[in-house]
Protein backbone atom coordinates (compact mmCIF):
# COMPACT_ATOMS: atom_id res chain seq x y z
CA MET A 1 118.75 -55.93 -114.12
CA VAL A 2 119.96 -56.19 -117.71
CA SER A 3 121.71 -53.78 -120.06
CA ILE A 4 119.86 -52.24 -122.98
CA PRO A 5 121.72 -53.23 -126.20
CA LYS A 6 123.41 -50.44 -128.17
CA GLU A 7 121.04 -50.69 -131.14
CA VAL A 8 118.08 -50.13 -128.80
CA LEU A 9 119.79 -47.19 -127.06
CA ASP A 10 120.53 -45.68 -130.48
CA LEU A 11 116.87 -45.99 -131.49
CA LEU A 12 115.71 -44.46 -128.19
CA ALA A 13 117.98 -41.46 -128.91
CA GLU A 14 116.44 -40.81 -132.34
CA GLY A 15 114.07 -37.86 -132.20
CA ASP A 16 111.66 -39.30 -134.74
CA ALA A 17 111.31 -42.74 -133.12
CA VAL A 18 107.89 -43.39 -131.57
CA LYS A 19 108.17 -44.20 -127.85
CA SER A 20 105.30 -45.61 -125.81
CA ILE A 21 104.70 -46.90 -122.31
CA ALA A 22 102.07 -49.39 -121.13
CA THR A 23 100.93 -49.59 -117.51
CA VAL A 24 98.22 -51.45 -115.62
CA ASP A 25 96.07 -50.03 -112.84
CA LYS A 26 95.30 -51.81 -109.56
CA SER A 27 92.19 -53.45 -111.05
CA GLY A 28 94.15 -54.84 -114.02
CA GLN A 29 93.00 -52.31 -116.63
CA PRO A 30 95.80 -51.64 -119.17
CA HIS A 31 96.69 -48.14 -120.28
CA ALA A 32 99.17 -47.14 -123.01
CA ILE A 33 100.41 -43.77 -124.25
CA THR A 34 103.02 -42.35 -126.58
CA ALA A 35 105.30 -39.79 -124.93
CA GLY A 36 108.20 -37.69 -126.15
CA SER A 37 109.84 -37.68 -122.72
CA ILE A 38 110.58 -41.43 -122.73
CA GLY A 39 114.26 -42.27 -122.91
CA ALA A 40 117.19 -44.11 -121.40
CA LEU A 41 119.13 -42.47 -118.58
CA ASP A 42 121.84 -45.13 -119.05
CA ASP A 43 122.00 -48.72 -120.35
CA LYS A 44 120.15 -50.10 -117.31
CA THR A 45 117.63 -47.32 -116.64
CA MET A 46 114.57 -46.14 -118.54
CA MET A 47 112.91 -42.83 -117.71
CA ILE A 48 109.79 -40.81 -118.39
CA SER A 49 108.96 -37.29 -117.25
CA GLN A 50 105.59 -36.53 -115.71
CA VAL A 51 104.26 -33.72 -117.83
CA LEU A 52 100.61 -34.45 -118.64
CA ALA A 53 99.74 -38.16 -118.40
CA HIS A 54 98.74 -38.47 -114.77
CA ARG A 55 97.05 -41.88 -115.17
CA THR A 56 100.28 -43.41 -116.50
CA TYR A 57 102.24 -42.15 -113.50
CA GLU A 58 99.60 -43.23 -110.98
CA ASN A 59 99.56 -46.73 -112.51
CA ALA A 60 103.36 -46.99 -112.49
CA GLU A 61 103.53 -45.96 -108.86
CA GLU A 62 100.79 -48.44 -107.88
CA ASN A 63 101.84 -51.46 -109.94
CA LYS A 64 105.58 -50.76 -110.55
CA LYS A 65 105.77 -52.98 -113.69
CA VAL A 66 105.68 -51.28 -117.10
CA ALA A 67 106.51 -52.02 -120.71
CA PHE A 68 108.10 -49.54 -123.10
CA LEU A 69 107.96 -49.82 -126.89
CA VAL A 70 110.26 -47.91 -129.24
CA THR A 71 109.59 -48.07 -132.98
CA LYS A 72 110.86 -46.52 -136.19
CA GLY A 73 109.99 -48.02 -139.54
CA LEU A 74 110.53 -51.78 -139.37
CA LYS A 75 112.69 -51.52 -136.22
CA SER A 76 110.91 -52.10 -132.94
CA TYR A 77 111.93 -53.16 -129.42
CA SER A 78 110.01 -53.68 -126.21
CA ILE A 79 111.59 -53.07 -122.82
CA ASP A 80 110.15 -54.52 -119.62
CA ALA A 81 110.97 -52.51 -116.53
CA VAL A 82 110.14 -51.96 -112.87
CA LEU A 83 109.79 -48.57 -111.16
CA ARG A 84 112.89 -47.86 -109.05
CA GLU A 85 112.29 -44.29 -107.91
CA THR A 86 110.53 -41.03 -108.49
CA VAL A 87 112.66 -37.88 -108.65
CA SER A 88 110.83 -34.71 -107.57
CA SER A 89 113.77 -32.29 -107.42
CA GLY A 90 117.44 -31.92 -108.24
CA PRO A 91 119.74 -31.84 -111.27
CA LEU A 92 117.95 -34.57 -113.26
CA LEU A 93 114.56 -32.85 -113.07
CA ASP A 94 116.18 -29.47 -113.72
CA GLY A 95 117.88 -30.81 -116.87
CA VAL A 96 114.65 -32.34 -118.15
CA ASN A 97 112.81 -29.07 -117.57
CA GLN A 98 115.47 -27.11 -119.46
CA LYS A 99 114.77 -29.29 -122.51
CA LEU A 100 111.00 -29.08 -122.06
CA ALA A 101 111.06 -25.27 -121.72
CA ALA A 102 111.43 -24.92 -125.51
CA MET A 103 107.99 -26.59 -125.81
CA HIS A 104 106.54 -24.50 -122.96
CA LEU A 105 106.13 -27.64 -120.82
CA VAL A 106 107.18 -28.42 -117.26
CA ALA A 107 107.70 -31.84 -115.69
CA GLN A 108 106.62 -32.29 -112.09
CA LYS A 109 108.83 -35.36 -111.64
CA VAL A 110 110.87 -38.00 -113.43
CA LEU A 111 110.21 -41.71 -113.00
CA LEU A 112 113.21 -44.04 -113.23
CA PHE A 113 112.84 -47.73 -114.08
CA ASP A 114 115.21 -50.72 -113.79
CA VAL A 115 115.28 -52.66 -117.07
CA ILE A 116 114.52 -56.36 -116.60
CA ALA A 117 114.22 -57.58 -120.22
CA VAL A 118 114.51 -56.36 -123.82
CA TYR A 119 112.81 -58.01 -126.82
CA GLN A 120 113.15 -57.68 -130.58
CA GLN A 121 109.69 -56.68 -131.89
CA GLY A 122 110.48 -55.58 -135.44
CA ALA A 123 108.83 -56.87 -138.56
CA ASN A 124 111.17 -59.84 -139.03
CA HIS A 125 111.60 -63.49 -138.09
CA ASP A 126 113.22 -62.57 -134.76
CA ALA A 127 110.08 -60.80 -133.50
CA GLY A 128 109.46 -61.75 -129.88
CA LYS A 129 113.05 -62.90 -129.31
CA LYS A 130 114.56 -61.84 -125.99
CA ILE A 131 117.80 -59.94 -126.68
CA ALA A 132 118.67 -58.88 -123.11
């Protein structure tokens, strides 16, 4: 496991940053979505709430490996991660649902991922460089 650098955590916390997740199903078919519930639980853990995108969650539970992308303007980072656990009840899910209530949405569960690598993907000469 690696730590997500501060500049990446800061970008993940920005409300107007675009956050996406890519998964692969058991036959190797890729699937990618943008989701507002993607974030960092801490500097070693990525998370996404299961609200609507059932295929993404099925793929993550089958294959375990995912890639996140967070972008705003010319800043962009990719985060490789592996599914650690699925949370179906308790304070974490309750807290997520309190935030989602304002949008009249409910999460069924929260998926937590161990971060294994972070890459610079912005529009600059360091694109593709591993930073963690």
